[in-house]
Amino acid sequence: MQTNNRKAVNNVKLFGSTKVLVISALLIAMSIVLGKLLAFNIGSSIRISFENLPLLMAGIFFGPFIGAAVGAGADLIGCMIVGYSINPIITLGAASIGFTAGAVSMLLADKGVLPRTFFSAAAGHAVGSMLIKSLGLLIYFHTPVQVLLMRIPLYTGIAVLESYIVYMLLKNKEFSSQLERICKK
């Protein structure tokens, strides 16, 4: 088993991988489709979507730095495509989802697939969705705190569903072997 420092160096080296670049671009596209086109809006401040699933996948599969890059890229490109104004705090929140999920996944690498994916998704959503993105909605759009508090149970449920999806992918032997092959550099 690799040490955390060695895994961090390998995760940074993945930035030079064409395969990881292509998969990251696909994850960005997937996030845009799930978040901007297949989302259910409740009012102007609550959106039910799985836009963070690809960000979690990028962080857990390829590490915190690629997770952050995918999160920032998905938010920026998605806003430009749909015509939303870019909110730098929300972009930071999207990047922090991928980064936090990747960092927690690295820290819990020896704890088993289920706890690693669950705690990675929970931490990513707690930091990025519930804290930073809510702060961005409060500062930029003056969203009432009562509405922002509704994001806590919403993203708790979404985190459980998304962690289960990532868990099922990682438990699939063929998927895991292909992922290991891609990450070897």
N, C-alpha and C. Protein backbone atom coordinates (compact mmCIF):
# COMPACT_ATOMS: atom_id res chain seq x y z
N MET A 1 0.84 -1.19 0.00
CA MET A 1 0.00 0.00 0.00
C MET A 1 0.87 1.24 0.00
N GLN A 2 0.55 2.20 -0.85
CA GLN A 2 1.35 3.41 -0.95
C GLN A 2 1.08 4.32 0.24
N THR A 3 2.09 5.10 0.60
CA THR A 3 1.89 6.09 1.64
C THR A 3 1.10 7.26 1.05
N ASN A 4 0.54 8.09 1.95
CA ASN A 4 -0.26 9.22 1.48
C ASN A 4 0.57 10.21 0.68
N ASN A 5 1.83 10.45 1.08
CA ASN A 5 2.68 11.37 0.32
C ASN A 5 2.95 10.86 -1.08
N ARG A 6 3.20 9.58 -1.19
CA ARG A 6 3.47 8.99 -2.49
C ARG A 6 2.22 9.01 -3.37
N LYS A 7 1.05 8.75 -2.76
CA LYS A 7 -0.20 8.82 -3.51
C LYS A 7 -0.46 10.24 -4.00
N ALA A 8 -0.13 11.24 -3.16
CA ALA A 8 -0.33 12.64 -3.56
C ALA A 8 0.53 12.98 -4.76
N VAL A 9 1.77 12.53 -4.76
CA VAL A 9 2.67 12.78 -5.89
C VAL A 9 2.12 12.10 -7.14
N ASN A 10 1.65 10.87 -7.02
CA ASN A 10 1.08 10.16 -8.17
C ASN A 10 -0.17 10.86 -8.69
N ASN A 11 -1.01 11.41 -7.76
CA ASN A 11 -2.21 12.12 -8.19
C ASN A 11 -1.86 13.39 -8.96
N VAL A 12 -0.82 14.08 -8.56
CA VAL A 12 -0.38 15.27 -9.29
C VAL A 12 0.15 14.87 -10.66
N LYS A 13 0.83 13.74 -10.76
CA LYS A 13 1.35 13.27 -12.05
C LYS A 13 0.22 12.93 -13.02
N LEU A 14 -0.97 12.63 -12.51
CA LEU A 14 -2.09 12.30 -13.39
C LEU A 14 -2.50 13.49 -14.26
N PHE A 15 -2.11 14.72 -13.86
CA PHE A 15 -2.41 15.88 -14.69
C PHE A 15 -1.78 15.75 -16.07
N GLY A 16 -0.68 15.03 -16.21
CA GLY A 16 -0.02 14.86 -17.49
C GLY A 16 -0.56 13.71 -18.31
N SER A 17 -1.54 13.00 -17.80
CA SER A 17 -2.07 11.84 -18.50
C SER A 17 -3.19 12.24 -19.46
N THR A 18 -3.04 11.87 -20.72
CA THR A 18 -4.07 12.16 -21.71
C THR A 18 -5.36 11.42 -21.38
N LYS A 19 -5.26 10.20 -20.90
CA LYS A 19 -6.46 9.43 -20.54
C LYS A 19 -7.25 10.11 -19.43
N VAL A 20 -6.54 10.60 -18.42
CA VAL A 20 -7.21 11.27 -17.30
C VAL A 20 -7.80 12.60 -17.77
N LEU A 21 -7.11 13.28 -18.68
CA LEU A 21 -7.63 14.53 -19.24
C LEU A 21 -8.94 14.29 -19.97
N VAL A 22 -8.99 13.25 -20.78
CA VAL A 22 -10.21 12.94 -21.53
C VAL A 22 -11.34 12.55 -20.59
N ILE A 23 -11.04 11.71 -19.60
CA ILE A 23 -12.07 11.32 -18.64
C ILE A 23 -12.54 12.52 -17.84
N SER A 24 -11.63 13.41 -17.47
CA SER A 24 -12.01 14.62 -16.75
C SER A 24 -12.93 15.49 -17.59
N ALA A 25 -12.65 15.60 -18.87
CA ALA A 25 -13.52 16.38 -19.76
C ALA A 25 -14.91 15.74 -19.84
N LEU A 26 -14.95 14.43 -19.88
CA LEU A 26 -16.24 13.74 -19.89
C LEU A 26 -16.99 13.95 -18.58
N LEU A 27 -16.27 13.95 -17.47
CA LEU A 27 -16.91 14.20 -16.17
C LEU A 27 -17.44 15.63 -16.09
N ILE A 28 -16.71 16.59 -16.66
CA ILE A 28 -17.19 17.97 -16.71
C ILE A 28 -18.48 18.04 -17.52
N ALA A 29 -18.49 17.40 -18.69
CA ALA A 29 -19.70 17.39 -19.53
C ALA A 29 -20.86 16.72 -18.80
N MET A 30 -20.57 15.63 -18.11
CA MET A 30 -21.60 14.92 -17.36
C MET A 30 -22.18 15.82 -16.25
N SER A 31 -21.33 16.55 -15.56
CA SER A 31 -21.78 17.45 -14.51
C SER A 31 -22.67 18.56 -15.08
N ILE A 32 -22.30 19.09 -16.23
CA ILE A 32 -23.10 20.15 -16.86
C ILE A 32 -24.48 19.62 -17.23
N VAL A 33 -24.52 18.44 -17.83
CA VAL A 33 -25.81 17.87 -18.22
C VAL A 33 -26.66 17.57 -16.99
N LEU A 34 -26.06 16.94 -15.97
CA LEU A 34 -26.82 16.60 -14.77
C LEU A 34 -27.25 17.83 -13.98
N GLY A 35 -26.42 18.87 -13.97
CA GLY A 35 -26.70 20.03 -13.14
C GLY A 35 -27.47 21.14 -13.81
N LYS A 36 -27.28 21.30 -15.08
CA LYS A 36 -27.92 22.43 -15.75
C LYS A 36 -29.11 22.01 -16.60
N LEU A 37 -29.08 20.82 -17.14
CA LEU A 37 -30.15 20.40 -18.05
C LEU A 37 -31.12 19.40 -17.44
N LEU A 38 -30.67 18.57 -16.51
CA LEU A 38 -31.54 17.56 -15.90
C LEU A 38 -31.85 17.85 -14.43
N ALA A 39 -31.79 19.11 -14.04
CA ALA A 39 -32.03 19.49 -12.66
C ALA A 39 -33.49 19.87 -12.46
N PHE A 40 -33.94 19.72 -11.22
CA PHE A 40 -35.28 20.16 -10.82
C PHE A 40 -35.10 21.38 -9.93
N ASN A 41 -35.59 22.52 -10.40
CA ASN A 41 -35.47 23.76 -9.63
C ASN A 41 -36.70 23.94 -8.76
N ILE A 42 -36.44 24.27 -7.50
CA ILE A 42 -37.51 24.60 -6.56
C ILE A 42 -37.26 26.06 -6.17
N GLY A 43 -38.01 26.94 -6.74
CA GLY A 43 -37.75 28.36 -6.52
C GLY A 43 -36.49 28.77 -7.26
N SER A 44 -35.87 29.85 -6.77
CA SER A 44 -34.66 30.33 -7.42
C SER A 44 -33.38 29.92 -6.70
N SER A 45 -33.51 29.28 -5.54
CA SER A 45 -32.32 28.98 -4.73
C SER A 45 -32.07 27.51 -4.48
N ILE A 46 -33.04 26.66 -4.72
CA ILE A 46 -32.88 25.22 -4.46
C ILE A 46 -32.96 24.48 -5.78
N ARG A 47 -31.95 23.65 -6.03
CA ARG A 47 -31.91 22.85 -7.25
C ARG A 47 -31.57 21.42 -6.86
N ILE A 48 -32.42 20.50 -7.25
CA ILE A 48 -32.17 19.08 -7.00
C ILE A 48 -31.51 18.51 -8.25
N SER A 49 -30.28 18.06 -8.09
CA SER A 49 -29.57 17.49 -9.23
C SER A 49 -28.44 16.60 -8.72
N PHE A 50 -27.87 15.89 -9.64
CA PHE A 50 -26.70 15.06 -9.34
C PHE A 50 -25.45 15.64 -10.00
N GLU A 51 -25.40 16.98 -10.10
CA GLU A 51 -24.27 17.65 -10.74
C GLU A 51 -22.96 17.40 -10.02
N ASN A 52 -23.02 17.08 -8.74
CA ASN A 52 -21.79 16.88 -7.97
C ASN A 52 -21.26 15.45 -8.06
N LEU A 53 -22.04 14.54 -8.58
CA LEU A 53 -21.58 13.15 -8.73
C LEU A 53 -20.29 13.06 -9.54
N PRO A 54 -20.18 13.70 -10.71
CA PRO A 54 -18.91 13.64 -11.45
C PRO A 54 -17.75 14.30 -10.71
N LEU A 55 -18.04 15.32 -9.91
CA LEU A 55 -16.98 15.98 -9.14
C LEU A 55 -16.45 15.04 -8.07
N LEU A 56 -17.36 14.33 -7.42
CA LEU A 56 -16.97 13.33 -6.42
C LEU A 56 -16.17 12.22 -7.08
N MET A 57 -16.64 11.78 -8.24
CA MET A 57 -15.94 10.71 -8.95
C MET A 57 -14.53 11.14 -9.31
N ALA A 58 -14.37 12.36 -9.81
CA ALA A 58 -13.04 12.86 -10.18
C ALA A 58 -12.12 12.90 -8.96
N GLY A 59 -12.62 13.40 -7.84
CA GLY A 59 -11.81 13.47 -6.63
C GLY A 59 -11.44 12.11 -6.09
N ILE A 60 -12.42 11.21 -6.01
CA ILE A 60 -12.17 9.87 -5.46
C ILE A 60 -11.30 9.04 -6.40
N PHE A 61 -11.54 9.13 -7.70
CA PHE A 61 -10.80 8.31 -8.66
C PHE A 61 -9.39 8.83 -8.92
N PHE A 62 -9.24 10.17 -9.02
CA PHE A 62 -7.98 10.73 -9.49
C PHE A 62 -7.30 11.67 -8.50
N GLY A 63 -7.88 11.89 -7.35
CA GLY A 63 -7.24 12.71 -6.34
C GLY A 63 -7.83 14.10 -6.22
N PRO A 64 -7.42 14.82 -5.19
CA PRO A 64 -8.04 16.12 -4.88
C PRO A 64 -7.78 17.21 -5.92
N PHE A 65 -6.63 17.22 -6.55
CA PHE A 65 -6.33 18.30 -7.48
C PHE A 65 -7.14 18.18 -8.78
N ILE A 66 -7.26 16.98 -9.28
CA ILE A 66 -8.08 16.78 -10.48
C ILE A 66 -9.55 16.95 -10.12
N GLY A 67 -9.95 16.53 -8.93
CA GLY A 67 -11.32 16.76 -8.48
C GLY A 67 -11.65 18.23 -8.44
N ALA A 68 -10.72 19.04 -7.93
CA ALA A 68 -10.93 20.50 -7.87
C ALA A 68 -10.99 21.10 -9.27
N ALA A 69 -10.11 20.65 -10.15
CA ALA A 69 -10.10 21.17 -11.53
C ALA A 69 -11.40 20.83 -12.26
N VAL A 70 -11.88 19.61 -12.07
CA VAL A 70 -13.14 19.21 -12.70
C VAL A 70 -14.29 20.04 -12.13
N GLY A 71 -14.30 20.27 -10.82
CA GLY A 71 -15.36 21.07 -10.20
C GLY A 71 -15.38 22.49 -10.71
N ALA A 72 -14.23 23.14 -10.75
CA ALA A 72 -14.15 24.51 -11.23
C ALA A 72 -14.51 24.58 -12.72
N GLY A 73 -13.99 23.65 -13.50
CA GLY A 73 -14.28 23.63 -14.94
C GLY A 73 -15.76 23.42 -15.22
N ALA A 74 -16.38 22.49 -14.51
CA ALA A 74 -17.80 22.22 -14.72
C ALA A 74 -18.65 23.44 -14.38
N ASP A 75 -18.33 24.12 -13.30
CA ASP A 75 -19.12 25.29 -12.92
C ASP A 75 -18.93 26.42 -13.92
N LEU A 76 -17.69 26.73 -14.27
CA LEU A 76 -17.43 27.84 -15.18
C LEU A 76 -18.01 27.59 -16.57
N ILE A 77 -17.74 26.43 -17.13
CA ILE A 77 -18.23 26.12 -18.48
C ILE A 77 -19.75 26.01 -18.47
N GLY A 78 -20.31 25.38 -17.44
CA GLY A 78 -21.76 25.25 -17.35
C GLY A 78 -22.46 26.60 -17.26
N CYS A 79 -21.90 27.52 -16.48
CA CYS A 79 -22.50 28.86 -16.39
C CYS A 79 -22.44 29.57 -17.74
N MET A 80 -21.34 29.43 -18.45
CA MET A 80 -21.23 30.08 -19.76
C MET A 80 -22.21 29.49 -20.76
N ILE A 81 -22.39 28.18 -20.74
CA ILE A 81 -23.29 27.53 -21.70
C ILE A 81 -24.74 27.92 -21.43
N VAL A 82 -25.14 27.92 -20.17
CA VAL A 82 -26.53 28.16 -19.83
C VAL A 82 -26.84 29.65 -19.72
N GLY A 83 -25.83 30.47 -19.49
CA GLY A 83 -26.04 31.91 -19.39
C GLY A 83 -26.18 32.42 -17.97
N TYR A 84 -25.78 31.62 -16.99
CA TYR A 84 -25.78 32.08 -15.60
C TYR A 84 -24.60 33.02 -15.40
N SER A 85 -24.76 33.95 -14.46
CA SER A 85 -23.60 34.76 -14.10
C SER A 85 -22.67 33.91 -13.25
N ILE A 86 -21.38 34.11 -13.42
CA ILE A 86 -20.39 33.33 -12.68
C ILE A 86 -20.25 33.91 -11.28
N ASN A 87 -20.46 33.08 -10.29
CA ASN A 87 -20.31 33.46 -8.89
C ASN A 87 -19.04 32.79 -8.40
N PRO A 88 -17.97 33.55 -8.13
CA PRO A 88 -16.70 32.92 -7.75
C PRO A 88 -16.77 32.09 -6.48
N ILE A 89 -17.67 32.44 -5.57
CA ILE A 89 -17.79 31.64 -4.34
C ILE A 89 -18.42 30.29 -4.66
N ILE A 90 -19.41 30.26 -5.55
CA ILE A 90 -20.02 28.99 -5.92
C ILE A 90 -19.03 28.15 -6.73
N THR A 91 -18.22 28.80 -7.57
CA THR A 91 -17.17 28.08 -8.30
C THR A 91 -16.17 27.48 -7.32
N LEU A 92 -15.80 28.24 -6.29
CA LEU A 92 -14.91 27.71 -5.25
C LEU A 92 -15.58 26.53 -4.53
N GLY A 93 -16.89 26.62 -4.30
CA GLY A 93 -17.61 25.51 -3.68
C GLY A 93 -17.58 24.26 -4.53
N ALA A 94 -17.77 24.43 -5.84
CA ALA A 94 -17.73 23.27 -6.75
C ALA A 94 -16.34 22.65 -6.75
N ALA A 95 -15.30 23.49 -6.79
CA ALA A 95 -13.93 22.97 -6.75
C ALA A 95 -13.66 22.27 -5.42
N SER A 96 -14.20 22.82 -4.34
CA SER A 96 -13.93 22.21 -3.03
C SER A 96 -14.64 20.87 -2.85
N ILE A 97 -15.73 20.65 -3.58
CA ILE A 97 -16.38 19.33 -3.52
C ILE A 97 -15.42 18.27 -4.04
N GLY A 98 -14.87 18.50 -5.21
CA GLY A 98 -13.92 17.54 -5.78
C GLY A 98 -12.65 17.42 -4.96
N PHE A 99 -12.13 18.56 -4.49
CA PHE A 99 -10.91 18.54 -3.69
C PHE A 99 -11.11 17.81 -2.37
N THR A 100 -12.18 18.15 -1.66
CA THR A 100 -12.44 17.53 -0.35
C THR A 100 -12.69 16.04 -0.49
N ALA A 101 -13.49 15.66 -1.48
CA ALA A 101 -13.74 14.22 -1.69
C ALA A 101 -12.45 13.48 -1.98
N GLY A 102 -11.59 14.07 -2.80
CA GLY A 102 -10.32 13.43 -3.12
C GLY A 102 -9.39 13.35 -1.92
N ALA A 103 -9.33 14.42 -1.12
CA ALA A 103 -8.45 14.42 0.05
C ALA A 103 -8.92 13.41 1.09
N VAL A 104 -10.23 13.37 1.35
CA VAL A 104 -10.76 12.41 2.33
C VAL A 104 -10.57 10.99 1.82
N SER A 105 -10.76 10.79 0.53
CA SER A 105 -10.56 9.46 -0.05
C SER A 105 -9.11 9.00 0.11
N MET A 106 -8.16 9.91 -0.08
CA MET A 106 -6.75 9.56 0.11
C MET A 106 -6.46 9.23 1.58
N LEU A 107 -7.03 10.01 2.49
CA LEU A 107 -6.80 9.77 3.92
C LEU A 107 -7.39 8.45 4.39
N LEU A 108 -8.49 8.04 3.77
CA LEU A 108 -9.17 6.80 4.17
C LEU A 108 -8.92 5.65 3.21
N ALA A 109 -7.81 5.72 2.47
CA ALA A 109 -7.53 4.73 1.43
C ALA A 109 -7.48 3.30 1.96
N ASP A 110 -7.06 3.12 3.20
CA ASP A 110 -6.94 1.76 3.74
C ASP A 110 -8.14 1.35 4.58
N LYS A 111 -9.22 2.10 4.56
CA LYS A 111 -10.38 1.81 5.41
C LYS A 111 -11.47 1.02 4.72
N GLY A 112 -11.33 0.70 3.47
CA GLY A 112 -12.37 -0.04 2.77
C GLY A 112 -13.14 0.88 1.84
N VAL A 113 -13.75 0.29 0.84
CA VAL A 113 -14.41 1.07 -0.21
C VAL A 113 -15.65 1.79 0.32
N LEU A 114 -16.48 1.12 1.10
CA LEU A 114 -17.73 1.74 1.56
C LEU A 114 -17.49 2.95 2.46
N PRO A 115 -16.69 2.82 3.54
CA PRO A 115 -16.48 4.01 4.36
C PRO A 115 -15.76 5.13 3.60
N ARG A 116 -14.84 4.75 2.75
CA ARG A 116 -14.09 5.76 1.98
C ARG A 116 -15.01 6.56 1.07
N THR A 117 -15.88 5.88 0.33
CA THR A 117 -16.77 6.61 -0.58
C THR A 117 -17.82 7.40 0.19
N PHE A 118 -18.38 6.82 1.25
CA PHE A 118 -19.41 7.52 2.01
C PHE A 118 -18.85 8.78 2.66
N PHE A 119 -17.73 8.67 3.36
CA PHE A 119 -17.18 9.83 4.05
C PHE A 119 -16.61 10.86 3.06
N SER A 120 -16.13 10.41 1.93
CA SER A 120 -15.65 11.35 0.90
C SER A 120 -16.80 12.18 0.35
N ALA A 121 -17.90 11.51 0.01
CA ALA A 121 -19.07 12.23 -0.50
C ALA A 121 -19.67 13.14 0.56
N ALA A 122 -19.77 12.64 1.79
CA ALA A 122 -20.34 13.45 2.87
C ALA A 122 -19.49 14.69 3.13
N ALA A 123 -18.19 14.53 3.18
CA ALA A 123 -17.30 15.67 3.43
C ALA A 123 -17.34 16.65 2.27
N GLY A 124 -17.33 16.14 1.04
CA GLY A 124 -17.39 17.01 -0.13
C GLY A 124 -18.65 17.87 -0.14
N HIS A 125 -19.79 17.24 0.15
CA HIS A 125 -21.04 17.99 0.18
C HIS A 125 -21.12 18.93 1.38
N ALA A 126 -20.61 18.50 2.52
CA ALA A 126 -20.66 19.36 3.71
C ALA A 126 -19.86 20.64 3.48
N VAL A 127 -18.65 20.50 2.95
CA VAL A 127 -17.79 21.67 2.73
C VAL A 127 -18.26 22.47 1.52
N GLY A 128 -18.44 21.80 0.39
CA GLY A 128 -18.73 22.52 -0.85
C GLY A 128 -20.17 22.95 -1.01
N SER A 129 -21.11 22.02 -0.86
CA SER A 129 -22.53 22.33 -1.11
C SER A 129 -23.18 23.06 0.04
N MET A 130 -23.02 22.52 1.25
CA MET A 130 -23.74 23.06 2.39
C MET A 130 -23.10 24.33 2.95
N LEU A 131 -21.78 24.44 2.88
CA LEU A 131 -21.11 25.58 3.49
C LEU A 131 -20.75 26.65 2.44
N ILE A 132 -19.85 26.34 1.52
CA ILE A 132 -19.32 27.36 0.60
C ILE A 132 -20.36 27.82 -0.40
N LYS A 133 -21.07 26.91 -1.07
CA LYS A 133 -22.07 27.33 -2.04
C LYS A 133 -23.22 28.08 -1.37
N SER A 134 -23.61 27.65 -0.17
CA SER A 134 -24.65 28.38 0.56
C SER A 134 -24.19 29.79 0.90
N LEU A 135 -22.93 29.93 1.27
CA LEU A 135 -22.37 31.25 1.55
C LEU A 135 -22.41 32.11 0.28
N GLY A 136 -22.09 31.53 -0.86
CA GLY A 136 -22.16 32.26 -2.12
C GLY A 136 -23.58 32.70 -2.45
N LEU A 137 -24.56 31.83 -2.19
CA LEU A 137 -25.96 32.21 -2.42
C LEU A 137 -26.39 33.33 -1.48
N LEU A 138 -25.91 33.28 -0.26
CA LEU A 138 -26.24 34.32 0.72
C LEU A 138 -25.63 35.66 0.33
N ILE A 139 -24.35 35.66 -0.01
CA ILE A 139 -23.64 36.91 -0.31
C ILE A 139 -24.09 37.51 -1.63
N TYR A 140 -24.16 36.72 -2.68
CA TYR A 140 -24.44 37.26 -4.01
C TYR A 140 -25.93 37.46 -4.28
N PHE A 141 -26.76 36.55 -3.79
CA PHE A 141 -28.18 36.59 -4.14
C PHE A 141 -29.08 36.89 -2.94
N HIS A 142 -28.49 37.09 -1.77
CA HIS A 142 -29.24 37.40 -0.54
C HIS A 142 -30.34 36.38 -0.27
N THR A 143 -30.02 35.12 -0.49
CA THR A 143 -30.96 34.04 -0.24
C THR A 143 -31.22 33.97 1.27
N PRO A 144 -32.48 33.88 1.67
CA PRO A 144 -32.78 33.82 3.10
C PRO A 144 -32.15 32.59 3.76
N VAL A 145 -31.74 32.77 5.01
CA VAL A 145 -31.08 31.68 5.75
C VAL A 145 -32.02 30.48 5.89
N GLN A 146 -33.32 30.70 6.03
CA GLN A 146 -34.27 29.59 6.15
C GLN A 146 -34.24 28.71 4.90
N VAL A 147 -34.09 29.33 3.76
CA VAL A 147 -34.01 28.58 2.50
C VAL A 147 -32.68 27.83 2.44
N LEU A 148 -31.61 28.49 2.87
CA LEU A 148 -30.29 27.84 2.84
C LEU A 148 -30.23 26.65 3.79
N LEU A 149 -30.94 26.71 4.90
CA LEU A 149 -30.96 25.58 5.84
C LEU A 149 -31.63 24.35 5.23
N MET A 150 -32.51 24.56 4.25
CA MET A 150 -33.15 23.43 3.56
C MET A 150 -32.13 22.64 2.74
N ARG A 151 -30.99 23.26 2.42
CA ARG A 151 -29.96 22.58 1.66
C ARG A 151 -29.29 21.46 2.46
N ILE A 152 -29.33 21.54 3.77
CA ILE A 152 -28.65 20.53 4.60
C ILE A 152 -29.29 19.15 4.43
N PRO A 153 -30.61 18.99 4.66
CA PRO A 153 -31.18 17.64 4.44
C PRO A 153 -31.17 17.24 2.96
N LEU A 154 -31.33 18.23 2.08
CA LEU A 154 -31.31 17.91 0.65
C LEU A 154 -29.98 17.31 0.24
N TYR A 155 -28.88 17.98 0.59
CA TYR A 155 -27.57 17.48 0.17
C TYR A 155 -27.10 16.30 1.01
N THR A 156 -27.68 16.10 2.17
CA THR A 156 -27.39 14.87 2.92
C THR A 156 -27.94 13.67 2.15
N GLY A 157 -29.18 13.79 1.69
CA GLY A 157 -29.79 12.71 0.91
C GLY A 157 -29.08 12.49 -0.41
N ILE A 158 -28.73 13.58 -1.09
CA ILE A 158 -28.03 13.46 -2.37
C ILE A 158 -26.66 12.82 -2.16
N ALA A 159 -25.97 13.19 -1.07
CA ALA A 159 -24.65 12.60 -0.79
C ALA A 159 -24.76 11.09 -0.58
N VAL A 160 -25.80 10.65 0.09
CA VAL A 160 -25.99 9.20 0.30
C VAL A 160 -26.18 8.50 -1.04
N LEU A 161 -27.04 9.06 -1.89
CA LEU A 161 -27.28 8.44 -3.20
C LEU A 161 -26.02 8.44 -4.07
N GLU A 162 -25.32 9.58 -4.10
CA GLU A 162 -24.11 9.66 -4.93
C GLU A 162 -23.01 8.75 -4.40
N SER A 163 -22.87 8.64 -3.09
CA SER A 163 -21.84 7.75 -2.55
C SER A 163 -22.17 6.30 -2.87
N TYR A 164 -23.43 5.95 -2.89
CA TYR A 164 -23.82 4.59 -3.24
C TYR A 164 -23.48 4.30 -4.71
N ILE A 165 -23.72 5.26 -5.58
CA ILE A 165 -23.39 5.07 -7.01
C ILE A 165 -21.88 4.88 -7.19
N VAL A 166 -21.09 5.73 -6.53
CA VAL A 166 -19.62 5.59 -6.64
C VAL A 166 -19.17 4.27 -6.03
N TYR A 167 -19.77 3.89 -4.91
CA TYR A 167 -19.44 2.62 -4.26
C TYR A 167 -19.70 1.45 -5.21
N MET A 168 -20.85 1.46 -5.87
CA MET A 168 -21.18 0.37 -6.79
C MET A 168 -20.20 0.33 -7.97
N LEU A 169 -19.78 1.49 -8.45
CA LEU A 169 -18.78 1.51 -9.52
C LEU A 169 -17.46 0.90 -9.04
N LEU A 170 -17.02 1.31 -7.85
CA LEU A 170 -15.74 0.82 -7.34
C LEU A 170 -15.78 -0.65 -6.96
N LYS A 171 -16.94 -1.16 -6.62
CA LYS A 171 -17.06 -2.58 -6.30
C LYS A 171 -17.10 -3.46 -7.54
N ASN A 172 -17.38 -2.86 -8.70
CA ASN A 172 -17.38 -3.59 -9.95
C ASN A 172 -15.93 -3.91 -10.32
N LYS A 173 -15.60 -5.18 -10.44
CA LYS A 173 -14.22 -5.59 -10.67
C LYS A 173 -13.67 -5.08 -11.99
N GLU A 174 -14.46 -5.13 -13.03
CA GLU A 174 -13.99 -4.67 -14.34
C GLU A 174 -13.74 -3.16 -14.32
N PHE A 175 -14.65 -2.40 -13.73
CA PHE A 175 -14.48 -0.96 -13.64
C PHE A 175 -13.23 -0.62 -12.82
N SER A 176 -13.07 -1.28 -11.69
CA SER A 176 -11.91 -1.01 -10.82
C SER A 176 -10.60 -1.35 -11.51
N SER A 177 -10.57 -2.45 -12.25
CA SER A 177 -9.32 -2.80 -12.93
C SER A 177 -8.99 -1.80 -14.03
N GLN A 178 -10.01 -1.31 -14.74
CA GLN A 178 -9.75 -0.29 -15.77
C GLN A 178 -9.31 1.02 -15.13
N LEU A 179 -9.89 1.36 -13.99
CA LEU A 179 -9.50 2.59 -13.29
C LEU A 179 -8.06 2.50 -12.80
N GLU A 180 -7.67 1.35 -12.27
CA GLU A 180 -6.28 1.16 -11.83
C GLU A 180 -5.33 1.26 -13.02
N ARG A 181 -5.69 0.71 -14.13
CA ARG A 181 -4.86 0.76 -15.34
C ARG A 181 -4.68 2.21 -15.80
N ILE A 182 -5.73 3.00 -15.73
CA ILE A 182 -5.65 4.40 -16.15
C ILE A 182 -4.76 5.19 -15.19
N CYS A 183 -4.85 4.88 -13.90
CA CYS A 183 -4.11 5.67 -12.89
C CYS A 183 -2.65 5.28 -12.79
N LYS A 184 -2.24 4.17 -13.37
CA LYS A 184 -0.83 3.81 -13.35
C LYS A 184 -0.08 4.67 -14.32
N LYS A 185 0.96 5.31 -13.86
CA LYS A 185 1.73 6.19 -14.73
C LYS A 185 3.19 5.95 -14.51
